[in-house]
Amino acid sequence: MDSEENLPRPGDPIALLIKQDLDPLSVSELEERIALLEGEILRVKNHMQRAVNHRASADSLFKR
């Protein structure tokens, strides 16, 4: 797998997020940003776990 495949695509919200200048943000704004990002990480992990569980259920059903 090419290492560039793991990078966000131009126009991708993640690409825009990581390019944002953090200098103008206050400490409280940075803390809020971290809390929001941690919440998003949890949401993605939960979605990923549901996908894994769904796949395991399907594999079990079809005896893969």
PDB file of N, CA and C in Angstrom:
ATOM      1  N   MET A   1       0.843  -1.182   0.000  1.00  0.00           N
ATOM      2  CA  MET A   1       0.000   0.000   0.000  1.00  0.00           C
ATOM      3  C   MET A   1       0.884   1.239   0.000  1.00  0.00           C
ATOM      4  N   ASP A   2       0.577   2.156  -0.851  1.00  0.00           N
ATOM      5  CA  ASP A   2       1.322   3.395  -0.961  1.00  0.00           C
ATOM      6  C   ASP A   2       1.050   4.259   0.258  1.00  0.00           C
ATOM      7  N   SER A   3       2.080   4.867   0.811  1.00  0.00           N
ATOM      8  CA  SER A   3       1.902   5.683   2.004  1.00  0.00           C
ATOM      9  C   SER A   3       1.008   6.894   1.744  1.00  0.00           C
ATOM     10  N   GLU A   4       0.939   7.360   0.502  1.00  0.00           N
ATOM     11  CA  GLU A   4       0.080   8.501   0.179  1.00  0.00           C
ATOM     12  C   GLU A   4      -1.395   8.139   0.255  1.00  0.00           C
ATOM     13  N   GLU A   5      -1.719   6.833   0.167  1.00  0.00           N
ATOM     14  CA  GLU A   5      -3.108   6.405   0.265  1.00  0.00           C
ATOM     15  C   GLU A   5      -3.670   6.666   1.655  1.00  0.00           C
ATOM     16  N   ASN A   6      -2.798   6.767   2.650  1.00  0.00           N
ATOM     17  CA  ASN A   6      -3.241   7.001   4.025  1.00  0.00           C
ATOM     18  C   ASN A   6      -3.420   8.484   4.342  1.00  0.00           C
ATOM     19  N   LEU A   7      -2.981   9.340   3.453  1.00  0.00           N
ATOM     20  CA  LEU A   7      -3.091  10.775   3.675  1.00  0.00           C
ATOM     21  C   LEU A   7      -4.474  11.264   3.268  1.00  0.00           C
ATOM     22  N   PRO A   8      -4.976  12.288   3.960  1.00  0.00           N
ATOM     23  CA  PRO A   8      -6.275  12.843   3.564  1.00  0.00           C
ATOM     24  C   PRO A   8      -6.217  13.422   2.159  1.00  0.00           C
ATOM     25  N   ARG A   9      -7.317  13.306   1.435  1.00  0.00           N
ATOM     26  CA  ARG A   9      -7.405  13.850   0.089  1.00  0.00           C
ATOM     27  C   ARG A   9      -7.660  15.356   0.173  1.00  0.00           C
ATOM     28  N   PRO A  10      -7.189  16.125  -0.812  1.00  0.00           N
ATOM     29  CA  PRO A  10      -7.477  17.562  -0.820  1.00  0.00           C
ATOM     30  C   PRO A  10      -8.987  17.805  -0.792  1.00  0.00           C
ATOM     31  N   GLY A  11      -9.412  18.746   0.020  1.00  0.00           N
ATOM     32  CA  GLY A  11     -10.836  19.032   0.155  1.00  0.00           C
ATOM     33  C   GLY A  11     -11.512  18.158   1.199  1.00  0.00           C
ATOM     34  N   ASP A  12     -10.812  17.131   1.663  1.00  0.00           N
ATOM     35  CA  ASP A  12     -11.316  16.249   2.708  1.00  0.00           C
ATOM     36  C   ASP A  12     -11.387  17.053   4.010  1.00  0.00           C
ATOM     37  N   PRO A  13     -12.465  16.924   4.771  1.00  0.00           N
ATOM     38  CA  PRO A  13     -12.570  17.684   6.026  1.00  0.00           C
ATOM     39  C   PRO A  13     -11.387  17.459   6.970  1.00  0.00           C
ATOM     40  N   ILE A  14     -10.838  16.256   6.983  1.00  0.00           N
ATOM     41  CA  ILE A  14      -9.673  15.988   7.839  1.00  0.00           C
ATOM     42  C   ILE A  14      -8.469  16.791   7.355  1.00  0.00           C
ATOM     43  N   ALA A  15      -8.289  16.852   6.038  1.00  0.00           N
ATOM     44  CA  ALA A  15      -7.177  17.619   5.485  1.00  0.00           C
ATOM     45  C   ALA A  15      -7.304  19.092   5.869  1.00  0.00           C
ATOM     46  N   LEU A  16      -8.503  19.607   5.791  1.00  0.00           N
ATOM     47  CA  LEU A  16      -8.730  21.006   6.172  1.00  0.00           C
ATOM     48  C   LEU A  16      -8.484  21.215   7.660  1.00  0.00           C
ATOM     49  N   LEU A  17      -8.895  20.248   8.460  1.00  0.00           N
ATOM     50  CA  LEU A  17      -8.734  20.346   9.908  1.00  0.00           C
ATOM     51  C   LEU A  17      -7.262  20.381  10.310  1.00  0.00           C
ATOM     52  N   ILE A  18      -6.455  19.508   9.712  1.00  0.00           N
ATOM     53  CA  ILE A  18      -5.048  19.442  10.128  1.00  0.00           C
ATOM     54  C   ILE A  18      -4.221  20.604   9.587  1.00  0.00           C
ATOM     55  N   LYS A  19      -4.755  21.315   8.604  1.00  0.00           N
ATOM     56  CA  LYS A  19      -4.046  22.477   8.061  1.00  0.00           C
ATOM     57  C   LYS A  19      -4.411  23.770   8.786  1.00  0.00           C
ATOM     58  N   GLN A  20      -5.454  23.719   9.616  1.00  0.00           N
ATOM     59  CA  GLN A  20      -5.919  24.924  10.280  1.00  0.00           C
ATOM     60  C   GLN A  20      -4.858  25.451  11.240  1.00  0.00           C
ATOM     61  N   ASP A  21      -4.646  26.751  11.195  1.00  0.00           N
ATOM     62  CA  ASP A  21      -3.702  27.415  12.086  1.00  0.00           C
ATOM     63  C   ASP A  21      -4.277  27.435  13.493  1.00  0.00           C
ATOM     64  N   LEU A  22      -3.551  26.899  14.457  1.00  0.00           N
ATOM     65  CA  LEU A  22      -4.017  26.834  15.841  1.00  0.00           C
ATOM     66  C   LEU A  22      -3.579  28.047  16.662  1.00  0.00           C
ATOM     67  N   ASP A  23      -2.682  28.847  16.125  1.00  0.00           N
ATOM     68  CA  ASP A  23      -2.153  29.984  16.876  1.00  0.00           C
ATOM     69  C   ASP A  23      -3.220  30.960  17.368  1.00  0.00           C
ATOM     70  N   PRO A  24      -4.253  31.266  16.580  1.00  0.00           N
ATOM     71  CA  PRO A  24      -5.237  32.241  17.062  1.00  0.00           C
ATOM     72  C   PRO A  24      -6.177  31.698  18.155  1.00  0.00           C
ATOM     73  N   LEU A  25      -6.146  30.401  18.418  1.00  0.00           N
ATOM     74  CA  LEU A  25      -7.077  29.817  19.379  1.00  0.00           C
ATOM     75  C   LEU A  25      -6.571  29.956  20.808  1.00  0.00           C
ATOM     76  N   SER A  26      -7.493  30.229  21.708  1.00  0.00           N
ATOM     77  CA  SER A  26      -7.150  30.323  23.128  1.00  0.00           C
ATOM     78  C   SER A  26      -7.027  28.915  23.711  1.00  0.00           C
ATOM     79  N   VAL A  27      -6.518  28.840  24.930  1.00  0.00           N
ATOM     80  CA  VAL A  27      -6.384  27.547  25.596  1.00  0.00           C
ATOM     81  C   VAL A  27      -7.754  26.895  25.746  1.00  0.00           C
ATOM     82  N   SER A  28      -8.771  27.659  26.125  1.00  0.00           N
ATOM     83  CA  SER A  28     -10.102  27.069  26.283  1.00  0.00           C
ATOM     84  C   SER A  28     -10.661  26.596  24.940  1.00  0.00           C
ATOM     85  N   GLU A  29     -10.374  27.315  23.873  1.00  0.00           N
ATOM     86  CA  GLU A  29     -10.817  26.880  22.546  1.00  0.00           C
ATOM     87  C   GLU A  29     -10.087  25.604  22.123  1.00  0.00           C
ATOM     88  N   LEU A  30      -8.802  25.509  22.467  1.00  0.00           N
ATOM     89  CA  LEU A  30      -8.046  24.301  22.163  1.00  0.00           C
ATOM     90  C   LEU A  30      -8.571  23.117  22.971  1.00  0.00           C
ATOM     91  N   GLU A  31      -8.913  23.356  24.234  1.00  0.00           N
ATOM     92  CA  GLU A  31      -9.485  22.285  25.063  1.00  0.00           C
ATOM     93  C   GLU A  31     -10.827  21.821  24.502  1.00  0.00           C
ATOM     94  N   GLU A  32     -11.633  22.762  24.042  1.00  0.00           N
ATOM     95  CA  GLU A  32     -12.922  22.415  23.434  1.00  0.00           C
ATOM     96  C   GLU A  32     -12.702  21.612  22.147  1.00  0.00           C
ATOM     97  N   ARG A  33     -11.734  22.024  21.388  1.00  0.00           N
ATOM     98  CA  ARG A  33     -11.412  21.311  20.142  1.00  0.00           C
ATOM     99  C   ARG A  33     -10.980  19.880  20.440  1.00  0.00           C
ATOM    100  N   ILE A  34     -10.134  19.708  21.446  1.00  0.00           N
ATOM    101  CA  ILE A  34      -9.682  18.375  21.843  1.00  0.00           C
ATOM    102  C   ILE A  34     -10.874  17.524  22.275  1.00  0.00           C
ATOM    103  N   ALA A  35     -11.774  18.090  23.073  1.00  0.00           N
ATOM    104  CA  ALA A  35     -12.952  17.347  23.534  1.00  0.00           C
ATOM    105  C   ALA A  35     -13.816  16.913  22.344  1.00  0.00           C
ATOM    106  N   LEU A  36     -13.987  17.797  21.375  1.00  0.00           N
ATOM    107  CA  LEU A  36     -14.764  17.451  20.181  1.00  0.00           C
ATOM    108  C   LEU A  36     -14.085  16.351  19.368  1.00  0.00           C
ATOM    109  N   LEU A  37     -12.780  16.463  19.233  1.00  0.00           N
ATOM    110  CA  LEU A  37     -12.042  15.448  18.476  1.00  0.00           C
ATOM    111  C   LEU A  37     -12.068  14.096  19.199  1.00  0.00           C
ATOM    112  N   GLU A  38     -11.943  14.110  20.522  1.00  0.00           N
ATOM    113  CA  GLU A  38     -12.029  12.862  21.287  1.00  0.00           C
ATOM    114  C   GLU A  38     -13.409  12.234  21.144  1.00  0.00           C
ATOM    115  N   GLY A  39     -14.446  13.068  21.118  1.00  0.00           N
ATOM    116  CA  GLY A  39     -15.797  12.567  20.895  1.00  0.00           C
ATOM    117  C   GLY A  39     -15.932  11.942  19.519  1.00  0.00           C
ATOM    118  N   GLU A  40     -15.328  12.547  18.525  1.00  0.00           N
ATOM    119  CA  GLU A  40     -15.381  12.005  17.166  1.00  0.00           C
ATOM    120  C   GLU A  40     -14.600  10.694  17.080  1.00  0.00           C
ATOM    121  N   ILE A  41     -13.468  10.623  17.757  1.00  0.00           N
ATOM    122  CA  ILE A  41     -12.696   9.378  17.784  1.00  0.00           C
ATOM    123  C   ILE A  41     -13.526   8.264  18.398  1.00  0.00           C
ATOM    124  N   LEU A  42     -14.214   8.538  19.485  1.00  0.00           N
ATOM    125  CA  LEU A  42     -15.071   7.544  20.128  1.00  0.00           C
ATOM    126  C   LEU A  42     -16.190   7.108  19.187  1.00  0.00           C
ATOM    127  N   ARG A  43     -16.790   8.039  18.480  1.00  0.00           N
ATOM    128  CA  ARG A  43     -17.862   7.722  17.530  1.00  0.00           C
ATOM    129  C   ARG A  43     -17.352   6.798  16.427  1.00  0.00           C
ATOM    130  N   VAL A  44     -16.165   7.096  15.903  1.00  0.00           N
ATOM    131  CA  VAL A  44     -15.591   6.276  14.835  1.00  0.00           C
ATOM    132  C   VAL A  44     -15.232   4.886  15.362  1.00  0.00           C
ATOM    133  N   LYS A  45     -14.663   4.805  16.562  1.00  0.00           N
ATOM    134  CA  LYS A  45     -14.328   3.504  17.151  1.00  0.00           C
ATOM    135  C   LYS A  45     -15.581   2.668  17.375  1.00  0.00           C
ATOM    136  N   ASN A  46     -16.651   3.291  17.846  1.00  0.00           N
ATOM    137  CA  ASN A  46     -17.908   2.567  18.047  1.00  0.00           C
ATOM    138  C   ASN A  46     -18.454   2.056  16.719  1.00  0.00           C
ATOM    139  N   HIS A  47     -18.390   2.871  15.694  1.00  0.00           N
ATOM    140  CA  HIS A  47     -18.854   2.458  14.365  1.00  0.00           C
ATOM    141  C   HIS A  47     -18.011   1.291  13.850  1.00  0.00           C
ATOM    142  N   MET A  48     -16.717   1.392  14.046  1.00  0.00           N
ATOM    143  CA  MET A  48     -15.816   0.339  13.605  1.00  0.00           C
ATOM    144  C   MET A  48     -16.128  -0.975  14.335  1.00  0.00           C
ATOM    145  N   GLN A  49     -16.388  -0.903  15.631  1.00  0.00           N
ATOM    146  CA  GLN A  49     -16.702  -2.102  16.398  1.00  0.00           C
ATOM    147  C   GLN A  49     -18.014  -2.729  15.921  1.00  0.00           C
ATOM    148  N   ARG A  50     -19.002  -1.904  15.608  1.00  0.00           N
ATOM    149  CA  ARG A  50     -20.262  -2.422  15.070  1.00  0.00           C
ATOM    150  C   ARG A  50     -20.026  -3.133  13.743  1.00  0.00           C
ATOM    151  N   ALA A  51     -19.146  -2.572  12.915  1.00  0.00           N
ATOM    152  CA  ALA A  51     -18.838  -3.198  11.630  1.00  0.00           C
ATOM    153  C   ALA A  51     -18.148  -4.547  11.840  1.00  0.00           C
ATOM    154  N   VAL A  52     -17.222  -4.611  12.785  1.00  0.00           N
ATOM    155  CA  VAL A  52     -16.530  -5.869  13.087  1.00  0.00           C
ATOM    156  C   VAL A  52     -17.529  -6.899  13.603  1.00  0.00           C
ATOM    157  N   ASN A  53     -18.418  -6.474  14.505  1.00  0.00           N
ATOM    158  CA  ASN A  53     -19.417  -7.389  15.054  1.00  0.00           C
ATOM    159  C   ASN A  53     -20.368  -7.869  13.965  1.00  0.00           C
ATOM    160  N   HIS A  54     -20.756  -6.981  13.087  1.00  0.00           N
ATOM    161  CA  HIS A  54     -21.652  -7.347  11.987  1.00  0.00           C
ATOM    162  C   HIS A  54     -20.981  -8.375  11.085  1.00  0.00           C
ATOM    163  N   ARG A  55     -19.721  -8.138  10.790  1.00  0.00           N
ATOM    164  CA  ARG A  55     -18.967  -9.068   9.935  1.00  0.00           C
ATOM    165  C   ARG A  55     -18.842 -10.429  10.608  1.00  0.00           C
ATOM    166  N   ALA A  56     -18.551 -10.438  11.907  1.00  0.00           N
ATOM    167  CA  ALA A  56     -18.418 -11.700  12.625  1.00  0.00           C
ATOM    168  C   ALA A  56     -19.747 -12.452  12.634  1.00  0.00           C
ATOM    169  N   SER A  57     -20.841 -11.739  12.788  1.00  0.00           N
ATOM    170  CA  SER A  57     -22.165 -12.372  12.764  1.00  0.00           C
ATOM    171  C   SER A  57     -22.452 -12.976  11.393  1.00  0.00           C
ATOM    172  N   ALA A  58     -22.134 -12.239  10.351  1.00  0.00           N
ATOM    173  CA  ALA A  58     -22.349 -12.739   8.996  1.00  0.00           C
ATOM    174  C   ALA A  58     -21.463 -13.947   8.726  1.00  0.00           C
ATOM    175  N   ASP A  59     -20.219 -13.885   9.127  1.00  0.00           N
ATOM    176  CA  ASP A  59     -19.311 -15.018   8.936  1.00  0.00           C
ATOM    177  C   ASP A  59     -19.817 -16.248   9.677  1.00  0.00           C
ATOM    178  N   SER A  60     -20.308 -16.043  10.893  1.00  0.00           N
ATOM    179  CA  SER A  60     -20.853 -17.150  11.675  1.00  0.00           C
ATOM    180  C   SER A  60     -22.087 -17.736  11.008  1.00  0.00           C
ATOM    181  N   LEU A  61     -22.927 -16.896  10.500  1.00  0.00           N
ATOM    182  CA  LEU A  61     -24.160 -17.338   9.853  1.00  0.00           C
ATOM    183  C   LEU A  61     -23.867 -18.179   8.612  1.00  0.00           C
ATOM    184  N   PHE A  62     -22.876 -17.738   7.849  1.00  0.00           N
ATOM    185  CA  PHE A  62     -22.540 -18.421   6.615  1.00  0.00           C
ATOM    186  C   PHE A  62     -21.350 -19.362   6.760  1.00  0.00           C
ATOM    187  N   LYS A  63     -20.881 -19.561   7.984  1.00  0.00           N
ATOM    188  CA  LYS A  63     -19.789 -20.504   8.299  1.00  0.00           C
ATOM    189  C   LYS A  63     -18.545 -20.268   7.446  1.00  0.00           C
ATOM    190  N   ARG A  64     -18.116 -19.033   7.383  1.00  0.00           N
ATOM    191  CA  ARG A  64     -16.918 -18.706   6.594  1.00  0.00           C
ATOM    192  C   ARG A  64     -15.682 -19.161   7.278  1.00  0.00           C
TER     193      ARG A  64
END
